[in-house]
Amino acid sequence: MTDNIIAKDQLRSIVERIERLEEEKKAIADDIKEIYAEAKANGFDSKIIRQVVRIRKIDRDERMEQEAMLDLYLHALGMIAEDNN
């Protein structure tokens, strides 16, 4: 019986902590949305800013590798003209 009460209290605590974090997450998401709206109001392209934010999270070497592969694929598909150097 005591174990059941402890488990019940522990479960309630876990659920309540998750709920608080979910509320904080929503508040943060709303703040981020406001910042993107501010950027757009100041003439910035929010879609591009999202890409920049995503790219900045990537390790430099990994990013360079991804960019090289993208360049290779785009060349293979004829989407980028060959350099005539």
N, C-alpha and C. Protein backbone atom coordinates (compact mmCIF):
# COMPACT_ATOMS: atom_id res chain seq x y z
N MET A 1 0.82 -1.19 0.00
CA MET A 1 0.00 0.00 0.00
C MET A 1 0.87 1.26 0.00
N THR A 2 1.87 1.29 0.87
CA THR A 2 2.76 2.44 0.96
C THR A 2 3.51 2.64 -0.36
N ASP A 3 3.95 1.53 -0.96
CA ASP A 3 4.64 1.61 -2.25
C ASP A 3 3.72 2.22 -3.31
N ASN A 4 2.45 1.86 -3.25
CA ASN A 4 1.48 2.38 -4.21
C ASN A 4 1.32 3.89 -4.04
N ILE A 5 1.28 4.36 -2.81
CA ILE A 5 1.15 5.80 -2.55
C ILE A 5 2.40 6.53 -3.01
N ILE A 6 3.57 5.95 -2.73
CA ILE A 6 4.83 6.57 -3.16
C ILE A 6 4.89 6.62 -4.68
N ALA A 7 4.55 5.54 -5.36
CA ALA A 7 4.57 5.51 -6.81
C ALA A 7 3.58 6.53 -7.38
N LYS A 8 2.43 6.64 -6.76
CA LYS A 8 1.41 7.60 -7.20
C LYS A 8 1.93 9.03 -7.06
N ASP A 9 2.55 9.33 -5.92
CA ASP A 9 3.11 10.66 -5.68
C ASP A 9 4.26 10.95 -6.65
N GLN A 10 5.07 9.96 -6.88
CA GLN A 10 6.20 10.13 -7.80
C GLN A 10 5.68 10.37 -9.22
N LEU A 11 4.69 9.61 -9.63
CA LEU A 11 4.11 9.78 -10.96
C LEU A 11 3.51 11.17 -11.11
N ARG A 12 2.77 11.61 -10.10
CA ARG A 12 2.16 12.95 -10.13
C ARG A 12 3.26 14.01 -10.26
N SER A 13 4.33 13.87 -9.51
CA SER A 13 5.45 14.81 -9.56
C SER A 13 6.06 14.85 -10.95
N ILE A 14 6.26 13.70 -11.53
CA ILE A 14 6.85 13.62 -12.88
C ILE A 14 5.95 14.31 -13.89
N VAL A 15 4.66 13.99 -13.84
CA VAL A 15 3.71 14.58 -14.78
C VAL A 15 3.65 16.09 -14.61
N GLU A 16 3.62 16.57 -13.37
CA GLU A 16 3.57 18.01 -13.13
C GLU A 16 4.83 18.72 -13.61
N ARG A 17 5.99 18.08 -13.45
CA ARG A 17 7.24 18.67 -13.95
C ARG A 17 7.22 18.75 -15.47
N ILE A 18 6.74 17.70 -16.10
CA ILE A 18 6.64 17.70 -17.57
C ILE A 18 5.69 18.81 -18.02
N GLU A 19 4.57 18.94 -17.34
CA GLU A 19 3.60 19.99 -17.70
C GLU A 19 4.22 21.38 -17.57
N ARG A 20 4.98 21.62 -16.51
CA ARG A 20 5.65 22.92 -16.34
C ARG A 20 6.64 23.17 -17.47
N LEU A 21 7.40 22.15 -17.81
CA LEU A 21 8.37 22.30 -18.89
C LEU A 21 7.69 22.53 -20.23
N GLU A 22 6.57 21.86 -20.45
CA GLU A 22 5.81 22.07 -21.68
C GLU A 22 5.32 23.52 -21.76
N GLU A 23 4.89 24.08 -20.64
CA GLU A 23 4.46 25.48 -20.61
C GLU A 23 5.63 26.40 -20.92
N GLU A 24 6.79 26.10 -20.33
CA GLU A 24 7.98 26.91 -20.60
C GLU A 24 8.38 26.80 -22.06
N LYS A 25 8.29 25.59 -22.61
CA LYS A 25 8.64 25.37 -24.00
C LYS A 25 7.72 26.19 -24.91
N LYS A 26 6.44 26.22 -24.60
CA LYS A 26 5.49 27.01 -25.39
C LYS A 26 5.82 28.49 -25.29
N ALA A 27 6.14 28.95 -24.09
CA ALA A 27 6.49 30.36 -23.91
C ALA A 27 7.74 30.72 -24.71
N ILE A 28 8.72 29.84 -24.70
CA ILE A 28 9.95 30.08 -25.46
C ILE A 28 9.64 30.07 -26.96
N ALA A 29 8.82 29.13 -27.41
CA ALA A 29 8.44 29.08 -28.83
C ALA A 29 7.72 30.36 -29.23
N ASP A 30 6.87 30.88 -28.36
CA ASP A 30 6.18 32.14 -28.64
C ASP A 30 7.18 33.29 -28.73
N ASP A 31 8.18 33.30 -27.85
CA ASP A 31 9.21 34.33 -27.88
C ASP A 31 9.99 34.28 -29.19
N ILE A 32 10.35 33.09 -29.61
CA ILE A 32 11.09 32.91 -30.86
C ILE A 32 10.25 33.39 -32.04
N LYS A 33 8.97 33.06 -32.02
CA LYS A 33 8.06 33.49 -33.08
C LYS A 33 8.01 35.02 -33.16
N GLU A 34 7.99 35.67 -32.00
CA GLU A 34 7.98 37.14 -31.96
C GLU A 34 9.27 37.71 -32.55
N ILE A 35 10.39 37.07 -32.28
CA ILE A 35 11.67 37.55 -32.81
C ILE A 35 11.70 37.42 -34.33
N TYR A 36 11.19 36.31 -34.85
CA TYR A 36 11.12 36.16 -36.31
C TYR A 36 10.19 37.21 -36.91
N ALA A 37 9.08 37.52 -36.24
CA ALA A 37 8.17 38.56 -36.72
C ALA A 37 8.86 39.92 -36.72
N GLU A 38 9.66 40.18 -35.68
CA GLU A 38 10.42 41.43 -35.61
C GLU A 38 11.41 41.51 -36.76
N ALA A 39 12.10 40.40 -37.02
CA ALA A 39 13.06 40.37 -38.13
C ALA A 39 12.36 40.66 -39.45
N LYS A 40 11.21 40.04 -39.66
CA LYS A 40 10.44 40.25 -40.89
C LYS A 40 9.99 41.70 -41.00
N ALA A 41 9.54 42.27 -39.89
CA ALA A 41 9.10 43.67 -39.89
C ALA A 41 10.26 44.62 -40.22
N ASN A 42 11.49 44.19 -39.96
CA ASN A 42 12.67 44.99 -40.26
C ASN A 42 13.27 44.66 -41.62
N GLY A 43 12.54 43.89 -42.42
CA GLY A 43 12.96 43.62 -43.80
C GLY A 43 13.81 42.38 -44.00
N PHE A 44 14.00 41.58 -42.96
CA PHE A 44 14.78 40.35 -43.10
C PHE A 44 13.87 39.21 -43.53
N ASP A 45 14.44 38.27 -44.24
CA ASP A 45 13.70 37.08 -44.67
C ASP A 45 13.79 36.03 -43.56
N SER A 46 12.67 35.77 -42.89
CA SER A 46 12.68 34.86 -41.74
C SER A 46 13.03 33.43 -42.15
N LYS A 47 12.68 33.05 -43.36
CA LYS A 47 13.02 31.70 -43.84
C LYS A 47 14.54 31.54 -43.92
N ILE A 48 15.21 32.56 -44.39
CA ILE A 48 16.67 32.51 -44.50
C ILE A 48 17.30 32.56 -43.11
N ILE A 49 16.73 33.36 -42.21
CA ILE A 49 17.25 33.42 -40.84
C ILE A 49 17.14 32.04 -40.19
N ARG A 50 16.04 31.33 -40.43
CA ARG A 50 15.88 29.97 -39.89
C ARG A 50 16.99 29.05 -40.42
N GLN A 51 17.32 29.20 -41.70
CA GLN A 51 18.40 28.39 -42.28
C GLN A 51 19.73 28.74 -41.63
N VAL A 52 19.98 30.03 -41.42
CA VAL A 52 21.23 30.46 -40.80
C VAL A 52 21.35 29.87 -39.39
N VAL A 53 20.25 29.94 -38.63
CA VAL A 53 20.25 29.40 -37.27
C VAL A 53 20.55 27.90 -37.31
N ARG A 54 19.91 27.19 -38.24
CA ARG A 54 20.14 25.74 -38.36
C ARG A 54 21.59 25.45 -38.73
N ILE A 55 22.12 26.21 -39.67
CA ILE A 55 23.50 26.01 -40.13
C ILE A 55 24.50 26.29 -39.01
N ARG A 56 24.25 27.32 -38.22
CA ARG A 56 25.18 27.67 -37.15
C ARG A 56 25.26 26.59 -36.08
N LYS A 57 24.28 25.72 -36.01
CA LYS A 57 24.30 24.62 -35.04
C LYS A 57 25.23 23.49 -35.47
N ILE A 58 25.56 23.47 -36.75
CA ILE A 58 26.35 22.37 -37.31
C ILE A 58 27.84 22.66 -37.14
N ASP A 59 28.60 21.64 -36.77
CA ASP A 59 30.05 21.72 -36.67
C ASP A 59 30.64 22.20 -38.00
N ARG A 60 31.66 23.03 -37.94
CA ARG A 60 32.25 23.63 -39.16
C ARG A 60 32.67 22.57 -40.17
N ASP A 61 33.37 21.55 -39.74
CA ASP A 61 33.84 20.51 -40.67
C ASP A 61 32.67 19.76 -41.29
N GLU A 62 31.67 19.45 -40.49
CA GLU A 62 30.48 18.76 -41.01
C GLU A 62 29.75 19.65 -42.01
N ARG A 63 29.67 20.94 -41.70
CA ARG A 63 29.01 21.88 -42.60
C ARG A 63 29.74 21.97 -43.93
N MET A 64 31.06 22.03 -43.88
CA MET A 64 31.85 22.11 -45.11
C MET A 64 31.66 20.84 -45.95
N GLU A 65 31.61 19.69 -45.27
CA GLU A 65 31.38 18.43 -45.98
C GLU A 65 30.01 18.43 -46.65
N GLN A 66 28.99 18.89 -45.92
CA GLN A 66 27.64 18.94 -46.48
C GLN A 66 27.58 19.90 -47.67
N GLU A 67 28.24 21.05 -47.56
CA GLU A 67 28.25 22.02 -48.65
C GLU A 67 28.96 21.45 -49.87
N ALA A 68 30.04 20.71 -49.67
CA ALA A 68 30.76 20.10 -50.79
C ALA A 68 29.89 19.05 -51.48
N MET A 69 29.17 18.25 -50.68
CA MET A 69 28.29 17.24 -51.27
C MET A 69 27.13 17.90 -52.02
N LEU A 70 26.58 18.95 -51.45
CA LEU A 70 25.50 19.67 -52.12
C LEU A 70 25.98 20.23 -53.45
N ASP A 71 27.17 20.83 -53.43
CA ASP A 71 27.76 21.38 -54.65
C ASP A 71 27.96 20.29 -55.70
N LEU A 72 28.45 19.14 -55.26
CA LEU A 72 28.66 18.01 -56.16
C LEU A 72 27.34 17.57 -56.79
N TYR A 73 26.31 17.42 -55.98
CA TYR A 73 25.00 16.99 -56.47
C TYR A 73 24.40 18.02 -57.43
N LEU A 74 24.51 19.30 -57.08
CA LEU A 74 23.96 20.33 -57.95
C LEU A 74 24.67 20.38 -59.29
N HIS A 75 25.99 20.21 -59.27
CA HIS A 75 26.73 20.13 -60.52
C HIS A 75 26.28 18.92 -61.34
N ALA A 76 26.14 17.77 -60.69
CA ALA A 76 25.74 16.55 -61.38
C ALA A 76 24.37 16.70 -62.03
N LEU A 77 23.51 17.49 -61.43
CA LEU A 77 22.17 17.71 -61.97
C LEU A 77 22.11 18.88 -62.94
N GLY A 78 23.25 19.51 -63.19
CA GLY A 78 23.31 20.64 -64.12
C GLY A 78 22.67 21.90 -63.57
N MET A 79 22.58 22.00 -62.28
CA MET A 79 21.95 23.16 -61.66
C MET A 79 22.96 24.28 -61.38
N ILE A 80 24.25 23.97 -61.51
CA ILE A 80 25.31 24.95 -61.34
C ILE A 80 26.23 24.82 -62.55
N ALA A 81 26.54 25.95 -63.16
CA ALA A 81 27.42 25.93 -64.32
C ALA A 81 28.83 25.55 -63.90
N GLU A 82 29.54 24.87 -64.79
CA GLU A 82 30.92 24.50 -64.53
C GLU A 82 31.79 25.75 -64.54
N ASP A 83 32.79 25.80 -63.63
CA ASP A 83 33.75 26.89 -63.61
C ASP A 83 34.69 26.72 -64.79
N ASN A 84 35.00 27.79 -65.48
CA ASN A 84 35.91 27.74 -66.61
C ASN A 84 37.23 28.41 -66.27
N ASN A 85 37.80 28.05 -65.13
CA ASN A 85 39.07 28.64 -64.68
C ASN A 85 40.23 27.95 -65.31
